[in-house]
Amino acid sequence: MKSPVHMLWATLLLAVLATTVSASAAAPRTVTREALHGRILGALSPQTPVKVHVLLYGQHEAELDELIEAQNTPGSRDFGHYLTPQEFGRYFGADPATYARAVGVLRANGFTIVDLANNRRDIVARAPAAIVSAFFRTPLELHAEGDRVFYAARYAPLIPAALHARLVTGLNDYHLLHSHLRRRPRYIDDNGDFSWSPQDVARAYDLNPLYAAGLTGAGISLANATAGAATQSDLSNFQSTFNLPAAQLVSTPIDGALSTSCGHGCANDESTLDMDWATATARNVTFHQVVAHTTAGNDFDDVYAYIADKLATTTHIASTSFGSCEQGQDPDEEALDNGYFKQSAAEGQWWFAAAGDHGTDDCQDGSTTALSVDFPASSPYVVAVGGTDVHATVDGNGNVTKYKSETVWQYGNCSQTDGLSSDEAGGGGVSTVYAKPSYQTALTPKDGRRDVPDVSLLADDVNDGLYIYNRTLQAGNGGTSEAAPQWAGLFAIIEQKKANYKNVTDPHVRLYQLAASANRTTYFHDVIGGNNGIPACADDFTVFAGYTAVAGYDRASGIGSYQGANLVNAY
């Protein structure tokens, strides 16, 4: 005799089949993109817990961009009046009665409420797979592709009208975000090769006058959206090795215990790089890593949500070095996440993201007819950070003594004498998703689209590789993921200098203003050499032409890299 539990699951599965057949009879169903990948192994076990984000329509949506512009316009009554997450929810959240009904509908249908977001738009709920399948009227199935197993909804969900929801995410874990860290392991000190220390970078980018003035990010918290936790012991060893003051590490794991591992092909070297170099720039900052359980896009939904919706009252600078190309994203996940970045902008919380390490081919699909850029860097509410190669004077002891010039980061080694891939270049190009934001209209090409990057910084892992400490001292680290946390660190210093985050103007607005000023070359290093195309030999793909750096803004280096002390003092 079957147990009551088994009878319940059988009943639920029959309900799934019945609703699927009924829906199929009523209208053709749209098969999801994710369901077309790999081979089907069978149904996801009915008891498997599945977590979803249900996003409701917000009120006053048309006013949100107007508010963000007013918050950053001197003379406006809203100038510097950033919202708390609770204030955001009261005005821009869903209608309260609609929100309450949606919560009730989910509970009545077997969901457990995980979080009621302060923004009062998002509801996070969890239920067994069988319940989720029945409620959204689509089977959830396991697939195998290569060495990876993932789950995906067979059909686009049918969202019950009673929810009044805009979208739902969490019905697949197919889409993975990627670290933007690059490493040339053979470039180590004992064979005479060169990597940069924090002191080298400080001299090249003129940070020492800030430290002499006591501007070190003290009292400021910087959040990092990541996967694979960095460790306190590695941070302490990095600080000890380079005689740095002790920055504080705070860790918040999402959905599980804190772990240095993070699933398929993922370790904590990216988090370590972010930690070491955000704190190498802002040397007394509190570095708060918010750690995803895996690199799946639905796990990063939770991380972005936590930073924007839970930390925004105390943390106003955030960075991430994970991303994926726009075309490879789940559109609903991207819309959900961009909503969190937009919420952050209204709250006075500024995001910095690595622009990618594959030039104009962020998707790495070899299609020269579909150039691609990286999300979340392409979001109009995120500062996109590209990559450069810094040319400096180095003394006989291997110390950088003077900045000379900068070119766009691009490395091609067709002979592959170092035994490594040659497809490296700073990410940049034109968004296929987002229109041109107002702050870009004066300086960027008249293309009607969001252009990236906004700014840049050293990223070359061959000539400018950075040291990190990950169980041991490692040299030759690079990628735009070394650039983004340093820009975030500089803004922690700006926040400290301003004494109150409400005195900090949106970096998009202020950086482009300064880049258009007569003194722009005292605030930025204008990168005027190099190209971010992928060499023809890379991955046997046809050459990606890329964009060439020119005076002023370009899609290879943005408005350039910072001259630390001058930019902070002018901000």
Protein backbone atom coordinates (compact mmCIF):
# COMPACT_ATOMS: atom_id res chain seq x y z
CA MET A 1 0.00 0.00 0.00
CA LYS A 2 1.32 3.46 -0.95
CA SER A 3 1.90 5.96 1.81
CA PRO A 4 -0.19 9.17 1.98
CA VAL A 5 2.95 11.15 1.02
CA HIS A 6 3.43 9.15 -2.18
CA MET A 7 -0.28 9.52 -2.95
CA LEU A 8 0.05 13.31 -2.56
CA TRP A 9 2.97 13.53 -5.01
CA ALA A 10 1.14 11.32 -7.47
CA THR A 11 -1.92 13.56 -7.27
CA LEU A 12 0.19 16.65 -7.84
CA LEU A 13 1.95 15.13 -10.84
CA LEU A 14 -1.40 14.15 -12.35
CA ALA A 15 -2.48 17.75 -11.85
CA VAL A 16 0.59 18.92 -13.76
CA LEU A 17 -0.19 16.56 -16.66
CA ALA A 18 -3.84 17.54 -16.67
CA THR A 19 -3.15 21.27 -16.74
CA THR A 20 -0.48 20.80 -19.40
CA VAL A 21 -2.87 18.85 -21.63
CA SER A 22 -5.62 21.39 -20.99
CA ALA A 23 -3.32 24.30 -21.83
CA SER A 24 -2.04 22.52 -24.94
CA ALA A 25 -5.59 21.99 -26.14
CA ALA A 26 -6.41 25.65 -25.57
CA ALA A 27 -3.35 27.14 -27.30
CA PRO A 28 0.13 26.13 -28.45
CA ARG A 29 2.70 26.36 -25.66
CA THR A 30 6.02 28.13 -26.07
CA VAL A 31 8.97 25.83 -25.35
CA THR A 32 11.63 27.64 -23.32
CA ARG A 33 15.12 28.24 -24.70
CA GLU A 34 16.58 26.35 -21.74
CA ALA A 35 14.52 23.23 -22.52
CA LEU A 36 16.18 23.01 -25.94
CA HIS A 37 19.61 22.42 -24.41
CA GLY A 38 21.10 19.02 -23.59
CA ARG A 39 19.22 15.77 -23.29
CA ILE A 40 16.28 15.22 -20.96
CA LEU A 41 17.02 12.90 -18.04
CA GLY A 42 13.48 12.93 -16.70
CA ALA A 43 11.25 14.95 -14.41
CA LEU A 44 12.80 16.94 -11.58
CA SER A 45 12.08 14.98 -8.40
CA PRO A 46 8.70 16.20 -7.11
CA GLN A 47 10.08 16.78 -3.61
CA THR A 48 12.96 19.00 -4.81
CA PRO A 49 12.56 22.50 -3.36
CA VAL A 50 12.36 25.25 -5.99
CA LYS A 51 12.65 28.91 -5.08
CA VAL A 52 11.00 31.55 -7.26
CA HIS A 53 10.92 35.33 -7.44
CA VAL A 54 7.47 36.63 -8.34
CA LEU A 55 7.73 40.24 -9.53
CA LEU A 56 4.60 42.37 -9.41
CA TYR A 57 3.97 45.59 -11.31
CA GLY A 58 5.05 48.64 -9.35
CA GLN A 59 3.14 51.86 -8.94
CA HIS A 60 4.33 55.20 -10.37
CA GLU A 61 6.90 53.43 -12.56
CA ALA A 62 7.00 56.32 -15.04
CA GLU A 63 8.17 58.64 -12.27
CA LEU A 64 11.16 56.56 -11.16
CA ASP A 65 13.67 57.71 -13.78
CA GLU A 66 12.48 61.29 -13.27
CA LEU A 67 13.18 60.97 -9.55
CA ILE A 68 16.66 59.51 -10.13
CA GLU A 69 17.49 62.44 -12.43
CA ALA A 70 16.18 64.96 -9.91
CA GLN A 71 18.17 63.33 -7.08
CA ASN A 72 21.31 64.12 -9.08
CA THR A 73 20.42 67.62 -10.29
CA PRO A 74 21.73 70.50 -8.11
CA GLY A 75 18.92 72.91 -7.30
CA SER A 76 16.24 70.25 -7.46
CA ARG A 77 14.20 69.80 -4.29
CA ASP A 78 15.04 66.10 -4.52
CA PHE A 79 18.80 66.62 -4.92
CA GLY A 80 20.60 64.12 -2.66
CA HIS A 81 17.31 62.91 -1.16
CA TYR A 82 17.84 59.22 -1.72
CA LEU A 83 15.19 56.74 -0.60
CA THR A 84 15.42 53.94 1.90
CA PRO A 85 14.23 50.54 0.63
CA GLN A 86 11.10 50.96 2.75
CA GLU A 87 10.37 54.39 1.26
CA PHE A 88 10.92 52.95 -2.19
CA GLY A 89 8.40 50.21 -1.45
CA ARG A 90 5.76 52.59 -0.12
CA TYR A 91 5.71 54.71 -3.28
CA PHE A 92 7.05 52.52 -6.09
CA GLY A 93 5.93 49.14 -4.80
CA ALA A 94 2.89 47.24 -5.99
CA ASP A 95 -0.55 48.28 -4.83
CA PRO A 96 -0.66 47.05 -1.19
CA ALA A 97 -3.89 45.13 -1.65
CA THR A 98 -2.58 43.47 -4.81
CA TYR A 99 0.64 42.54 -3.06
CA ALA A 100 -1.23 41.05 -0.09
CA ARG A 101 -3.51 39.05 -2.40
CA ALA A 102 -0.52 37.65 -4.30
CA VAL A 103 1.08 36.52 -1.04
CA GLY A 104 -2.19 34.88 -0.05
CA VAL A 105 -2.54 33.09 -3.40
CA LEU A 106 0.97 31.67 -3.13
CA ARG A 107 0.41 30.45 0.43
CA ALA A 108 -2.95 28.94 -0.44
CA ASN A 109 -1.31 26.95 -3.23
CA GLY A 110 1.40 25.36 -1.10
CA PHE A 111 4.23 27.92 -1.29
CA THR A 112 6.27 28.99 1.73
CA ILE A 113 7.12 32.69 1.72
CA VAL A 114 10.89 33.16 1.98
CA ASP A 115 11.01 36.96 1.79
CA LEU A 116 8.66 39.88 1.35
CA ALA A 117 10.96 42.45 -0.20
CA ASN A 118 11.13 45.96 1.19
CA ASN A 119 10.51 47.19 -2.35
CA ARG A 120 7.06 45.57 -2.15
CA ARG A 121 7.36 44.38 -5.74
CA ASP A 122 9.18 41.11 -5.31
CA ILE A 123 7.91 38.06 -3.44
CA VAL A 124 10.38 35.24 -2.86
CA ALA A 125 8.69 31.88 -2.28
CA ARG A 126 9.63 28.22 -2.16
CA ALA A 127 7.71 25.02 -2.83
CA PRO A 128 8.35 21.43 -3.92
CA ALA A 129 8.86 21.02 -7.66
CA ALA A 130 5.52 19.29 -8.12
CA ILE A 131 3.66 22.25 -6.63
CA VAL A 132 5.65 24.76 -8.67
CA SER A 133 4.98 22.75 -11.85
CA ALA A 134 1.26 22.56 -11.17
CA PHE A 135 0.94 26.23 -10.24
CA PHE A 136 2.77 27.57 -13.30
CA ARG A 137 1.47 24.78 -15.54
CA THR A 138 4.74 23.50 -16.91
CA PRO A 139 6.81 20.38 -16.23
CA LEU A 140 10.22 20.93 -14.64
CA GLU A 141 12.77 18.54 -16.10
CA LEU A 142 16.41 17.60 -15.55
CA HIS A 143 18.78 17.97 -18.51
CA ALA A 144 22.37 16.93 -19.10
CA GLU A 145 24.68 19.02 -21.27
CA GLY A 146 28.37 18.15 -21.32
CA ASP A 147 29.44 17.50 -17.76
CA ARG A 148 26.64 19.55 -16.26
CA VAL A 149 23.13 18.73 -15.06
CA PHE A 150 20.51 21.47 -14.80
CA TYR A 151 16.74 21.79 -14.50
CA ALA A 152 14.45 23.77 -16.77
CA ALA A 153 10.75 24.43 -17.33
CA ARG A 154 9.56 22.79 -20.53
CA TYR A 155 7.17 25.63 -21.34
CA ALA A 156 7.01 29.32 -20.60
CA PRO A 157 5.03 29.61 -17.36
CA LEU A 158 1.35 30.47 -17.35
CA ILE A 159 1.16 32.95 -14.48
CA PRO A 160 -2.21 32.78 -12.73
CA ALA A 161 -4.20 35.96 -13.22
CA ALA A 162 -4.80 36.17 -9.46
CA LEU A 163 -1.10 37.02 -8.95
CA HIS A 164 -1.19 40.12 -11.17
CA ALA A 165 2.53 39.43 -11.69
CA ARG A 166 4.85 40.83 -14.32
CA LEU A 167 7.18 37.82 -14.37
CA VAL A 168 8.52 34.85 -12.43
CA THR A 169 12.11 33.60 -12.22
CA GLY A 170 13.63 30.47 -10.72
CA LEU A 171 12.10 27.97 -13.13
CA ASN A 172 15.54 27.01 -14.44
CA ASP A 173 19.15 27.07 -13.29
CA TYR A 174 20.63 26.77 -16.77
CA HIS A 175 22.21 30.22 -17.13
CA LEU A 176 25.58 30.61 -15.44
CA LEU A 177 27.45 33.80 -14.69
CA HIS A 178 31.18 33.85 -15.33
CA SER A 179 34.09 35.30 -13.45
CA HIS A 180 36.03 38.01 -15.29
CA LEU A 181 39.39 36.99 -13.84
CA ARG A 182 42.30 36.07 -16.10
CA ARG A 183 45.61 34.60 -14.99
CA ARG A 184 48.95 33.85 -16.59
CA PRO A 185 50.36 31.34 -14.08
CA ARG A 186 53.88 31.34 -15.49
CA TYR A 187 54.31 35.06 -14.75
CA ILE A 188 55.83 34.72 -11.30
CA ASP A 189 58.70 36.44 -9.56
CA ASP A 190 61.21 33.60 -9.45
CA ASN A 191 61.68 33.66 -13.23
CA GLY A 192 62.10 37.41 -13.34
CA ASP A 193 58.63 38.39 -14.45
CA PHE A 194 56.65 41.27 -13.00
CA SER A 195 53.37 41.72 -11.09
CA TRP A 196 52.00 44.84 -9.43
CA SER A 197 51.74 45.40 -5.68
CA PRO A 198 49.25 47.78 -4.03
CA GLN A 199 52.08 50.31 -3.67
CA ASP A 200 52.81 50.11 -7.41
CA VAL A 201 49.18 50.77 -8.29
CA ALA A 202 48.93 53.62 -5.77
CA ARG A 203 51.91 55.35 -7.37
CA ALA A 204 50.67 54.82 -10.92
CA TYR A 205 47.16 56.10 -10.21
CA ASP A 206 48.14 58.84 -7.72
CA LEU A 207 46.39 57.47 -4.63
CA ASN A 208 49.09 58.28 -2.07
CA PRO A 209 47.99 61.92 -1.52
CA LEU A 210 44.59 60.55 -0.49
CA TYR A 211 46.12 58.18 2.04
CA ALA A 212 48.30 60.98 3.41
CA ALA A 213 45.11 63.01 3.96
CA GLY A 214 43.53 60.13 5.91
CA LEU A 215 41.19 59.12 3.07
CA THR A 216 41.22 55.33 3.20
CA GLY A 217 37.53 54.38 3.12
CA ALA A 218 37.34 54.31 6.92
CA GLY A 219 33.77 53.99 8.17
CA ILE A 220 32.46 52.95 4.73
CA SER A 221 30.98 49.59 3.76
CA LEU A 222 31.49 48.15 0.26
CA ALA A 223 29.34 45.21 -0.86
CA ASN A 224 30.54 42.59 -3.33
CA ALA A 225 28.17 40.28 -5.23
CA THR A 226 30.11 37.06 -5.70
CA ALA A 227 30.26 33.27 -5.49
CA GLY A 228 32.85 31.23 -3.63
CA ALA A 229 33.72 33.02 -0.41
CA ALA A 230 37.04 34.72 0.17
CA THR A 231 38.61 34.04 3.57
CA GLN A 232 39.80 36.22 6.43
CA SER A 233 43.10 34.35 6.59
CA ASP A 234 43.86 35.18 2.95
CA LEU A 235 42.97 38.83 3.50
CA SER A 236 45.18 39.00 6.60
CA ASN A 237 48.08 37.42 4.72
CA PHE A 238 47.65 39.82 1.80
CA GLN A 239 47.64 42.80 4.16
CA SER A 240 50.66 41.50 6.03
CA THR A 241 52.61 40.76 2.84
CA PHE A 242 52.16 44.32 1.55
CA ASN A 243 52.14 46.15 4.88
CA LEU A 244 48.53 47.30 4.53
CA PRO A 245 46.20 48.30 7.38
CA ALA A 246 43.59 45.79 8.47
CA ALA A 247 40.36 46.17 6.51
CA GLN A 248 37.34 44.32 7.90
CA LEU A 249 35.74 41.36 6.11
CA VAL A 250 32.03 40.63 6.59
CA SER A 251 30.41 37.62 4.90
CA THR A 252 26.75 36.86 4.19
CA PRO A 253 26.01 33.52 2.50
CA ILE A 254 22.73 33.20 0.60
CA ASP A 255 20.98 29.82 0.78
CA GLY A 256 23.52 27.76 2.66
CA ALA A 257 26.61 27.80 4.79
CA LEU A 258 29.56 29.97 3.80
CA SER A 259 31.78 28.02 1.42
CA THR A 260 34.83 28.71 -0.72
CA SER A 261 33.37 26.50 -3.47
CA CYS A 262 30.45 27.52 -5.65
CA GLY A 263 29.45 24.71 -7.95
CA HIS A 264 30.28 23.95 -11.55
CA GLY A 265 33.76 25.16 -12.51
CA CYS A 266 33.89 27.74 -9.75
CA ALA A 267 36.32 28.50 -6.93
CA ASN A 268 37.00 31.50 -4.72
CA ASP A 269 39.86 33.10 -6.66
CA GLU A 270 37.51 35.77 -8.05
CA SER A 271 36.20 36.69 -4.62
CA THR A 272 39.76 36.82 -3.33
CA LEU A 273 40.85 39.18 -6.10
CA ASP A 274 37.86 41.43 -5.45
CA MET A 275 38.53 41.49 -1.72
CA ASP A 276 42.27 42.06 -1.98
CA TRP A 277 42.04 44.92 -4.46
CA ALA A 278 38.98 46.74 -3.18
CA THR A 279 40.77 46.88 0.18
CA ALA A 280 44.14 47.64 -1.43
CA THR A 281 42.47 50.80 -2.79
CA ALA A 282 40.20 51.71 0.14
CA ARG A 283 42.49 50.40 2.84
CA ASN A 284 40.20 50.78 5.86
CA VAL A 285 36.90 49.94 4.18
CA THR A 286 34.56 47.22 5.46
CA PHE A 287 34.37 44.67 2.66
CA HIS A 288 31.02 42.85 2.78
CA GLN A 289 30.89 39.83 0.48
CA VAL A 290 27.39 38.55 -0.29
CA VAL A 291 27.94 35.03 -1.54
CA ALA A 292 25.71 33.14 -3.98
CA HIS A 293 25.28 29.41 -3.48
CA THR A 294 26.31 28.77 -7.11
CA THR A 295 27.02 30.91 -10.19
CA ALA A 296 23.55 30.24 -11.64
CA GLY A 297 21.66 33.36 -12.59
CA ASN A 298 18.77 32.55 -10.24
CA ASP A 299 21.21 32.39 -7.30
CA PHE A 300 22.63 35.80 -8.23
CA ASP A 301 19.06 37.17 -8.28
CA ASP A 302 19.07 36.58 -4.53
CA VAL A 303 22.44 38.29 -4.07
CA TYR A 304 21.49 41.43 -6.01
CA ALA A 305 18.20 41.52 -4.11
CA TYR A 306 19.93 41.30 -0.74
CA ILE A 307 22.35 44.12 -1.52
CA ALA A 308 19.75 46.46 -3.03
CA ASP A 309 16.85 45.67 -0.73
CA LYS A 310 18.50 44.84 2.61
CA LEU A 311 21.85 46.66 2.69
CA ALA A 312 21.04 49.97 1.03
CA THR A 313 20.54 51.85 4.31
CA THR A 314 24.11 51.09 5.40
CA THR A 315 26.02 50.22 2.21
CA HIS A 316 26.19 52.61 -0.72
CA ILE A 317 28.96 51.15 -2.87
CA ALA A 318 28.69 47.73 -4.52
CA SER A 319 30.73 45.81 -7.05
CA THR A 320 30.62 42.55 -8.95
CA SER A 321 33.06 40.74 -11.20
CA PHE A 322 30.59 38.12 -12.43
CA GLY A 323 28.40 38.45 -15.50
CA SER A 324 27.39 36.98 -18.82
CA CYS A 325 26.57 38.28 -22.27
CA GLU A 326 23.22 39.95 -22.75
CA GLN A 327 22.06 37.42 -25.35
CA GLY A 328 22.89 34.54 -23.02
CA GLN A 329 20.77 35.82 -20.14
CA ASP A 330 17.32 34.65 -19.13
CA PRO A 331 15.33 37.79 -20.13
CA ASP A 332 13.13 37.57 -17.04
CA GLU A 333 16.14 37.27 -14.74
CA GLU A 334 17.76 40.22 -16.47
CA ALA A 335 14.62 42.33 -16.07
CA LEU A 336 14.36 41.40 -12.39
CA ASP A 337 18.02 42.20 -11.76
CA ASN A 338 17.97 45.48 -13.67
CA GLY A 339 15.03 46.46 -11.49
CA TYR A 340 17.20 45.97 -8.43
CA PHE A 341 19.98 48.12 -9.92
CA LYS A 342 17.41 50.81 -10.71
CA GLN A 343 16.12 50.59 -7.14
CA SER A 344 19.72 50.97 -5.94
CA ALA A 345 20.13 54.18 -7.95
CA ALA A 346 17.07 55.69 -6.25
CA GLU A 347 18.53 54.65 -2.89
CA GLY A 348 21.96 56.22 -3.50
CA GLN A 349 23.70 52.88 -3.85
CA TRP A 350 26.21 52.75 -6.70
CA TRP A 351 27.19 49.60 -8.58
CA PHE A 352 30.44 48.90 -10.44
CA ALA A 353 30.74 45.83 -12.69
CA ALA A 354 33.47 44.27 -14.80
CA ALA A 355 32.73 44.86 -18.50
CA GLY A 356 34.08 41.47 -19.59
CA ASP A 357 37.33 39.97 -20.85
CA HIS A 358 36.48 39.02 -24.43
CA GLY A 359 36.36 42.35 -26.20
CA THR A 360 33.39 42.64 -28.52
CA ASP A 361 32.63 38.89 -28.39
CA ASP A 362 31.31 38.57 -24.86
CA CYS A 363 29.15 35.59 -25.83
CA GLN A 364 32.22 33.81 -27.26
CA ASP A 365 30.03 32.24 -29.91
CA GLY A 366 32.17 33.17 -32.90
CA SER A 367 29.36 35.13 -34.55
CA THR A 368 30.82 38.31 -35.98
CA THR A 369 27.31 39.44 -36.95
CA ALA A 370 26.17 39.55 -33.33
CA LEU A 371 28.70 41.48 -31.27
CA SER A 372 27.90 41.26 -27.58
CA VAL A 373 28.44 43.03 -24.28
CA ASP A 374 28.26 41.86 -20.68
CA PHE A 375 25.42 42.20 -18.18
CA PRO A 376 25.16 43.56 -15.49
CA ALA A 377 27.78 46.04 -16.73
CA SER A 378 25.45 46.98 -19.60
CA SER A 379 22.69 48.06 -17.21
CA PRO A 380 22.24 51.84 -17.36
CA TYR A 381 22.25 51.82 -13.54
CA VAL A 382 25.66 50.12 -13.25
CA VAL A 383 29.09 51.65 -13.93
CA ALA A 384 30.75 49.43 -16.57
CA VAL A 385 34.50 49.09 -16.01
CA GLY A 386 36.73 48.15 -18.95
CA GLY A 387 40.39 47.13 -19.06
CA THR A 388 43.74 48.70 -19.94
CA ASP A 389 47.46 47.97 -20.07
CA VAL A 390 49.47 50.51 -18.06
CA HIS A 391 52.93 51.52 -19.21
CA ALA A 392 55.04 52.74 -16.31
CA THR A 393 58.60 53.51 -15.27
CA VAL A 394 59.97 50.67 -13.13
CA ASP A 395 63.16 51.00 -11.07
CA GLY A 396 65.90 48.43 -10.62
CA ASN A 397 64.09 46.92 -7.64
CA GLY A 398 60.95 46.20 -9.66
CA ASN A 399 58.92 49.06 -8.19
CA VAL A 400 56.68 51.29 -10.28
CA THR A 401 57.87 54.87 -9.90
CA LYS A 402 55.86 56.76 -12.51
CA TYR A 403 52.84 56.41 -14.77
CA LYS A 404 53.69 56.94 -18.45
CA SER A 405 50.68 55.97 -20.55
CA GLU A 406 47.85 53.48 -21.02
CA THR A 407 46.49 51.47 -23.92
CA VAL A 408 43.43 49.27 -24.29
CA TRP A 409 43.93 45.78 -22.86
CA GLN A 410 44.23 43.25 -25.66
CA TYR A 411 46.47 40.21 -25.68
CA GLY A 412 46.95 37.98 -28.68
CA ASN A 413 49.53 35.21 -28.85
CA CYS A 414 48.77 33.23 -31.98
CA SER A 415 51.74 30.94 -31.47
CA GLN A 416 50.44 30.29 -27.93
CA THR A 417 54.00 30.07 -26.64
CA ASP A 418 52.64 30.45 -23.12
CA GLY A 419 50.29 27.53 -23.69
CA LEU A 420 47.20 29.63 -22.97
CA SER A 421 44.29 31.00 -24.95
CA SER A 422 44.78 34.31 -26.68
CA ASP A 423 41.24 35.69 -26.65
CA GLU A 424 41.69 38.52 -24.16
CA ALA A 425 40.52 42.11 -24.46
CA GLY A 426 38.59 44.62 -22.39
CA GLY A 427 34.84 44.31 -22.87
CA GLY A 428 33.05 47.06 -24.76
CA GLY A 429 30.44 47.79 -27.35
CA VAL A 430 26.74 48.50 -27.75
CA SER A 431 23.89 47.07 -25.71
CA THR A 432 21.19 45.19 -27.57
CA VAL A 433 18.82 45.59 -24.62
CA TYR A 434 19.09 49.11 -23.23
CA ALA A 435 18.52 52.50 -24.81
CA LYS A 436 21.01 55.32 -24.36
CA PRO A 437 20.71 56.88 -20.89
CA SER A 438 20.66 60.67 -20.65
CA TYR A 439 24.08 60.89 -19.01
CA GLN A 440 25.68 59.43 -22.17
CA THR A 441 24.05 61.66 -24.76
CA ALA A 442 26.75 64.36 -24.84
CA LEU A 443 29.93 62.28 -25.13
CA THR A 444 29.09 58.90 -26.65
CA PRO A 445 28.23 57.95 -30.27
CA LYS A 446 24.78 58.95 -31.51
CA ASP A 447 23.55 55.36 -31.71
CA GLY A 448 20.53 55.53 -29.41
CA ARG A 449 21.92 52.63 -27.36
CA ARG A 450 23.68 52.18 -24.03
CA ASP A 451 27.42 52.13 -24.75
CA VAL A 452 29.99 50.37 -22.57
CA PRO A 453 32.34 50.68 -20.84
CA ASP A 454 31.94 53.89 -18.86
CA VAL A 455 35.47 53.89 -17.42
CA SER A 456 38.49 51.60 -17.33
CA LEU A 457 41.55 50.61 -15.30
CA LEU A 458 44.46 48.20 -15.57
CA ALA A 459 43.43 44.63 -16.42
CA ASP A 460 46.28 43.12 -18.44
CA ASP A 461 47.39 39.91 -16.75
CA VAL A 462 50.61 39.67 -18.79
CA ASN A 463 52.29 43.06 -18.31
CA ASP A 464 50.28 44.42 -15.37
CA GLY A 465 49.27 41.28 -13.49
CA LEU A 466 48.35 41.84 -9.86
CA TYR A 467 49.28 39.87 -6.77
CA ILE A 468 46.59 38.20 -4.71
CA TYR A 469 46.84 35.91 -1.70
CA ASN A 470 44.78 32.74 -2.13
CA ARG A 471 46.33 30.17 0.24
CA THR A 472 49.64 31.40 -1.15
CA LEU A 473 50.93 34.53 -2.87
CA GLN A 474 49.92 34.41 -6.55
CA ALA A 475 51.07 36.69 -9.35
CA GLY A 476 49.82 37.39 -12.86
CA ASN A 477 46.15 38.04 -12.04
CA GLY A 478 44.16 40.23 -14.38
CA GLY A 479 40.88 40.79 -16.18
CA THR A 480 38.32 43.54 -15.82
CA SER A 481 37.51 41.93 -12.47
CA GLU A 482 40.64 43.60 -11.09
CA ALA A 483 39.45 46.96 -12.41
CA ALA A 484 35.88 47.03 -11.06
CA PRO A 485 36.67 46.54 -7.34
CA GLN A 486 39.35 49.25 -7.52
CA TRP A 487 36.89 51.75 -8.96
CA ALA A 488 34.45 50.73 -6.20
CA GLY A 489 37.23 51.26 -3.66
CA LEU A 490 37.88 54.76 -5.00
CA PHE A 491 34.21 55.58 -4.52
CA ALA A 492 34.37 54.36 -0.93
CA ILE A 493 37.07 57.02 -0.50
CA ILE A 494 34.81 59.60 -2.16
CA GLU A 495 31.96 58.66 0.19
CA GLN A 496 34.28 59.05 3.18
CA LYS A 497 35.44 62.47 1.96
CA LYS A 498 31.86 63.64 1.41
CA ALA A 499 31.03 62.59 5.01
CA ASN A 500 27.51 61.48 3.96
CA TYR A 501 26.41 59.32 1.06
CA LYS A 502 23.64 61.84 0.35
CA ASN A 503 26.39 64.22 -0.77
CA VAL A 504 27.60 61.75 -3.42
CA THR A 505 26.14 62.31 -6.88
CA ASP A 506 25.43 59.30 -9.08
CA PRO A 507 28.83 58.37 -10.57
CA HIS A 508 27.34 58.11 -14.05
CA VAL A 509 26.21 61.71 -13.90
CA ARG A 510 29.25 63.20 -12.19
CA LEU A 511 31.93 61.23 -14.06
CA TYR A 512 30.49 62.18 -17.45
CA GLN A 513 30.21 65.82 -16.29
CA LEU A 514 33.88 65.85 -15.32
CA ALA A 515 34.84 64.08 -18.54
CA ALA A 516 33.14 66.90 -20.49
CA SER A 517 34.88 69.66 -18.51
CA ALA A 518 37.88 71.73 -19.58
CA ASN A 519 40.03 70.04 -16.90
CA ARG A 520 39.12 66.47 -17.89
CA THR A 521 42.73 65.44 -18.50
CA THR A 522 43.59 66.23 -14.89
CA TYR A 523 40.84 63.89 -13.62
CA PHE A 524 41.22 61.02 -16.10
CA HIS A 525 43.93 59.33 -18.10
CA ASP A 526 42.46 59.50 -21.60
CA VAL A 527 43.32 56.17 -23.22
CA ILE A 528 44.04 56.90 -26.89
CA GLY A 529 45.82 53.75 -28.06
CA GLY A 530 44.80 50.17 -28.69
CA ASN A 531 41.75 48.18 -29.73
CA ASN A 532 39.49 45.67 -27.96
CA GLY A 533 38.95 43.31 -30.86
CA ILE A 534 39.72 39.62 -30.42
CA PRO A 535 42.75 38.43 -32.42
CA ALA A 536 41.97 36.32 -35.48
CA CYS A 537 43.75 33.31 -34.00
CA ALA A 538 41.59 33.17 -30.89
CA ASP A 539 39.44 30.05 -30.65
CA ASP A 540 39.74 29.63 -34.45
CA PHE A 541 37.09 32.30 -34.85
CA THR A 542 37.08 35.00 -37.48
CA VAL A 543 38.60 38.23 -36.19
CA PHE A 544 36.36 40.56 -34.18
CA ALA A 545 37.29 44.04 -35.33
CA GLY A 546 36.63 45.71 -32.00
CA TYR A 547 36.73 49.41 -31.21
CA THR A 548 39.81 51.61 -31.33
CA ALA A 549 40.63 54.02 -28.52
CA VAL A 550 40.45 57.68 -29.52
CA ALA A 551 40.57 61.01 -27.71
CA GLY A 552 37.51 61.37 -25.50
CA TYR A 553 34.94 58.60 -25.07
CA ASP A 554 35.32 55.32 -26.93
CA ARG A 555 33.80 51.83 -26.64
CA ALA A 556 37.18 50.32 -25.81
CA SER A 557 38.09 52.35 -22.68
CA GLY A 558 35.11 54.59 -21.92
CA ILE A 559 36.18 57.99 -20.59
CA GLY A 560 39.45 56.51 -19.32
CA SER A 561 41.09 55.58 -16.04
CA TYR A 562 41.31 57.74 -12.93
CA GLN A 563 43.92 60.13 -11.63
CA GLY A 564 43.04 59.29 -8.06
CA ALA A 565 43.71 62.38 -5.96
CA ASN A 566 42.53 64.88 -8.58
CA LEU A 567 39.32 63.01 -9.33
CA VAL A 568 38.40 62.56 -5.68
CA ASN A 569 39.06 66.22 -4.89
CA ALA A 570 37.03 67.40 -7.90
CA TYR A 571 34.11 65.07 -7.25
